[in-house]
Amino acid sequence: QVQLVESGGGEVQAGGSLRLSCAASERTFSRSVMAWFRQAPGKGREFVAALRWIDGRTSNADPVKGRFTISTNSAENTLYLQMNSLKPEDTAVYYCAASSRKLWPAVSSNVYDYWGQGTQVTVSS
């Protein structure tokens, strides 16, 4: 069973930056798309950004465009989310996910097969 492990969360002031990492336990598991989702207290899980593994194409949700960047280091088998100009409304638990289905941009959480345990990001005003 593939495990995804997130790290890099924490507390930061508005306008600050954080970089999240997601390490996969296996290098060769079948994945077509990897993504970041987030869930704020009392809200549903929200798509943040996705990356298509075969060509590196990316897609960002409107609330984070121009501020967040999803990337990968395939040699390290790791997915990243660079978050700049953070706002209090970015406060949430952030989850890494992987899908084996060839769907793009795969914004629905229903198509993802593997999930990490989540990492808390708190942005204070």
C-alpha atoms as a PDB file:
ATOM      1  CA  GLN A   1       0.000   0.000   0.000  1.00  0.00           C
ATOM      2  CA  VAL A   2       1.456   3.332  -1.069  1.00  0.00           C
ATOM      3  CA  GLN A   3       1.815   5.924   1.637  1.00  0.00           C
ATOM      4  CA  LEU A   4       1.970   9.657   1.106  1.00  0.00           C
ATOM      5  CA  VAL A   5       3.568  11.702   3.869  1.00  0.00           C
ATOM      6  CA  GLU A   6       3.191  15.478   4.003  1.00  0.00           C
ATOM      7  CA  SER A   7       5.470  17.859   5.859  1.00  0.00           C
ATOM      8  CA  GLY A   8       6.214  21.559   6.014  1.00  0.00           C
ATOM      9  CA  GLY A   9       3.051  22.915   7.593  1.00  0.00           C
ATOM     10  CA  GLY A  10       3.087  25.414  10.411  1.00  0.00           C
ATOM     11  CA  GLU A  11       1.999  28.860  11.495  1.00  0.00           C
ATOM     12  CA  VAL A  12       2.919  31.984   9.576  1.00  0.00           C
ATOM     13  CA  GLN A  13       1.791  35.592   9.465  1.00  0.00           C
ATOM     14  CA  ALA A  14      -0.239  36.941   6.574  1.00  0.00           C
ATOM     15  CA  GLY A  15       2.005  37.707   3.618  1.00  0.00           C
ATOM     16  CA  GLY A  16       4.468  34.988   4.559  1.00  0.00           C
ATOM     17  CA  SER A  17       5.469  31.797   2.772  1.00  0.00           C
ATOM     18  CA  LEU A  18       5.563  28.081   3.416  1.00  0.00           C
ATOM     19  CA  ARG A  19       6.609  25.088   1.329  1.00  0.00           C
ATOM     20  CA  LEU A  20       4.795  21.798   1.747  1.00  0.00           C
ATOM     21  CA  SER A  21       6.347  18.482   0.736  1.00  0.00           C
ATOM     22  CA  CYS A  22       4.738  15.125  -0.010  1.00  0.00           C
ATOM     23  CA  ALA A  23       6.921  12.045  -0.130  1.00  0.00           C
ATOM     24  CA  ALA A  24       5.664   8.789  -1.630  1.00  0.00           C
ATOM     25  CA  SER A  25       6.739   5.512  -0.057  1.00  0.00           C
ATOM     26  CA  GLU A  26       7.132   3.796  -3.426  1.00  0.00           C
ATOM     27  CA  ARG A  27       8.737   5.137  -6.586  1.00  0.00           C
ATOM     28  CA  THR A  28       6.894   2.983  -9.086  1.00  0.00           C
ATOM     29  CA  PHE A  29       3.282   3.118  -7.997  1.00  0.00           C
ATOM     30  CA  SER A  30       0.833   3.945 -10.747  1.00  0.00           C
ATOM     31  CA  ARG A  31       0.047   7.638 -10.716  1.00  0.00           C
ATOM     32  CA  SER A  32      -1.247   9.871 -13.444  1.00  0.00           C
ATOM     33  CA  VAL A  33      -1.964  12.978 -11.412  1.00  0.00           C
ATOM     34  CA  MET A  34      -0.851  14.246  -8.021  1.00  0.00           C
ATOM     35  CA  ALA A  35      -2.545  17.097  -6.268  1.00  0.00           C
ATOM     36  CA  TRP A  36      -2.982  19.181  -3.162  1.00  0.00           C
ATOM     37  CA  PHE A  37      -6.326  19.661  -1.457  1.00  0.00           C
ATOM     38  CA  ARG A  38      -7.209  21.558   1.681  1.00  0.00           C
ATOM     39  CA  GLN A  39      -9.946  21.470   4.267  1.00  0.00           C
ATOM     40  CA  ALA A  40     -10.771  24.368   6.567  1.00  0.00           C
ATOM     41  CA  PRO A  41     -12.773  23.833   9.781  1.00  0.00           C
ATOM     42  CA  GLY A  42     -16.443  23.267   9.018  1.00  0.00           C
ATOM     43  CA  LYS A  43     -15.872  23.142   5.254  1.00  0.00           C
ATOM     44  CA  GLY A  44     -15.509  20.464   2.616  1.00  0.00           C
ATOM     45  CA  ARG A  45     -12.269  19.346   1.020  1.00  0.00           C
ATOM     46  CA  GLU A  46     -11.208  21.885  -1.617  1.00  0.00           C
ATOM     47  CA  PHE A  47      -8.990  21.423  -4.676  1.00  0.00           C
ATOM     48  CA  VAL A  48      -5.837  23.559  -4.568  1.00  0.00           C
ATOM     49  CA  ALA A  49      -3.509  22.441  -7.364  1.00  0.00           C
ATOM     50  CA  ALA A  50      -2.694  19.422  -9.523  1.00  0.00           C
ATOM     51  CA  LEU A  51       0.279  18.180 -11.512  1.00  0.00           C
ATOM     52  CA  ARG A  52       0.188  15.661 -14.359  1.00  0.00           C
ATOM     53  CA  TRP A  53       3.056  13.278 -13.776  1.00  0.00           C
ATOM     54  CA  ILE A  54       3.850  12.410 -17.398  1.00  0.00           C
ATOM     55  CA  ASP A  55       4.557  15.936 -18.615  1.00  0.00           C
ATOM     56  CA  GLY A  56       4.507  18.173 -15.545  1.00  0.00           C
ATOM     57  CA  ARG A  57       1.452  20.143 -16.639  1.00  0.00           C
ATOM     58  CA  THR A  58      -0.140  21.995 -13.730  1.00  0.00           C
ATOM     59  CA  SER A  59      -3.476  23.469 -12.797  1.00  0.00           C
ATOM     60  CA  ASN A  60      -4.296  25.793  -9.905  1.00  0.00           C
ATOM     61  CA  ALA A  61      -7.596  26.709  -8.293  1.00  0.00           C
ATOM     62  CA  ASP A  62      -8.617  30.349  -8.762  1.00  0.00           C
ATOM     63  CA  PRO A  63      -8.142  31.381  -5.090  1.00  0.00           C
ATOM     64  CA  VAL A  64      -4.450  30.440  -5.209  1.00  0.00           C
ATOM     65  CA  LYS A  65      -3.460  31.445  -8.740  1.00  0.00           C
ATOM     66  CA  GLY A  66      -0.400  33.639  -8.773  1.00  0.00           C
ATOM     67  CA  ARG A  67       0.449  32.718  -5.165  1.00  0.00           C
ATOM     68  CA  PHE A  68       0.870  28.927  -4.995  1.00  0.00           C
ATOM     69  CA  THR A  69       3.078  26.748  -7.189  1.00  0.00           C
ATOM     70  CA  ILE A  70       2.907  22.971  -7.425  1.00  0.00           C
ATOM     71  CA  SER A  71       6.038  21.155  -8.548  1.00  0.00           C
ATOM     72  CA  THR A  72       7.855  17.861  -8.318  1.00  0.00           C
ATOM     73  CA  ASN A  73      11.289  16.433  -7.971  1.00  0.00           C
ATOM     74  CA  SER A  74      10.857  13.069  -9.648  1.00  0.00           C
ATOM     75  CA  ALA A  75      14.323  11.971  -8.608  1.00  0.00           C
ATOM     76  CA  GLU A  76      13.277  12.403  -4.987  1.00  0.00           C
ATOM     77  CA  ASN A  77       9.783  11.063  -5.636  1.00  0.00           C
ATOM     78  CA  THR A  78       8.410  14.169  -3.930  1.00  0.00           C
ATOM     79  CA  LEU A  79       5.624  16.654  -4.632  1.00  0.00           C
ATOM     80  CA  TYR A  80       5.844  20.251  -3.421  1.00  0.00           C
ATOM     81  CA  LEU A  81       3.503  23.164  -2.882  1.00  0.00           C
ATOM     82  CA  GLN A  82       5.191  26.544  -2.598  1.00  0.00           C
ATOM     83  CA  MET A  83       2.781  28.957  -0.957  1.00  0.00           C
ATOM     84  CA  ASN A  84       3.524  32.687  -1.093  1.00  0.00           C
ATOM     85  CA  SER A  85       1.548  35.764  -0.039  1.00  0.00           C
ATOM     86  CA  LEU A  86      -0.423  33.641   2.388  1.00  0.00           C
ATOM     87  CA  LYS A  87      -3.777  34.931   3.646  1.00  0.00           C
ATOM     88  CA  PRO A  88      -5.781  34.005   6.764  1.00  0.00           C
ATOM     89  CA  GLU A  89      -8.327  32.310   4.495  1.00  0.00           C
ATOM     90  CA  ASP A  90      -5.603  29.849   3.432  1.00  0.00           C
ATOM     91  CA  THR A  91      -5.740  28.363   6.929  1.00  0.00           C
ATOM     92  CA  ALA A  92      -6.609  24.672   6.569  1.00  0.00           C
ATOM     93  CA  VAL A  93      -5.310  21.139   6.749  1.00  0.00           C
ATOM     94  CA  TYR A  94      -3.509  20.464   3.483  1.00  0.00           C
ATOM     95  CA  TYR A  95      -3.589  16.993   1.950  1.00  0.00           C
ATOM     96  CA  CYS A  96      -1.490  15.386  -0.754  1.00  0.00           C
ATOM     97  CA  ALA A  97      -3.267  12.976  -3.112  1.00  0.00           C
ATOM     98  CA  ALA A  98      -2.453  10.709  -6.041  1.00  0.00           C
ATOM     99  CA  SER A  99      -4.685   9.339  -8.783  1.00  0.00           C
ATOM    100  CA  SER A 100      -4.014   6.530 -11.235  1.00  0.00           C
ATOM    101  CA  ARG A 101      -6.804   7.677 -13.567  1.00  0.00           C
ATOM    102  CA  LYS A 102      -5.968   9.567 -16.733  1.00  0.00           C
ATOM    103  CA  LEU A 103      -8.213  12.532 -16.000  1.00  0.00           C
ATOM    104  CA  TRP A 104      -7.192  16.156 -16.238  1.00  0.00           C
ATOM    105  CA  PRO A 105      -7.195  18.439 -14.335  1.00  0.00           C
ATOM    106  CA  ALA A 106      -8.818  16.018 -11.869  1.00  0.00           C
ATOM    107  CA  VAL A 107     -10.236  18.589  -9.447  1.00  0.00           C
ATOM    108  CA  SER A 108     -12.645  16.184  -7.751  1.00  0.00           C
ATOM    109  CA  SER A 109     -11.396  14.426  -4.637  1.00  0.00           C
ATOM    110  CA  ASN A 110     -13.397  11.365  -5.702  1.00  0.00           C
ATOM    111  CA  VAL A 111     -10.872  10.381  -8.388  1.00  0.00           C
ATOM    112  CA  TYR A 112      -7.908  10.140  -6.049  1.00  0.00           C
ATOM    113  CA  ASP A 113      -6.784   6.735  -4.817  1.00  0.00           C
ATOM    114  CA  TYR A 114      -4.164   7.669  -2.247  1.00  0.00           C
ATOM    115  CA  TRP A 115      -4.153  10.351   0.433  1.00  0.00           C
ATOM    116  CA  GLY A 116      -1.687  11.621   2.978  1.00  0.00           C
ATOM    117  CA  GLN A 117      -2.539  12.269   6.602  1.00  0.00           C
ATOM    118  CA  GLY A 118      -2.579  16.043   6.188  1.00  0.00           C
ATOM    119  CA  THR A 119      -0.489  18.911   7.526  1.00  0.00           C
ATOM    120  CA  GLN A 120      -1.874  21.979   9.292  1.00  0.00           C
ATOM    121  CA  VAL A 121      -1.264  25.440   7.835  1.00  0.00           C
ATOM    122  CA  THR A 122      -2.307  28.392   9.987  1.00  0.00           C
ATOM    123  CA  VAL A 123      -2.062  31.970   8.726  1.00  0.00           C
ATOM    124  CA  SER A 124      -2.513  34.699  11.295  1.00  0.00           C
ATOM    125  CA  SER A 125      -3.550  38.256  10.472  1.00  0.00           C
END
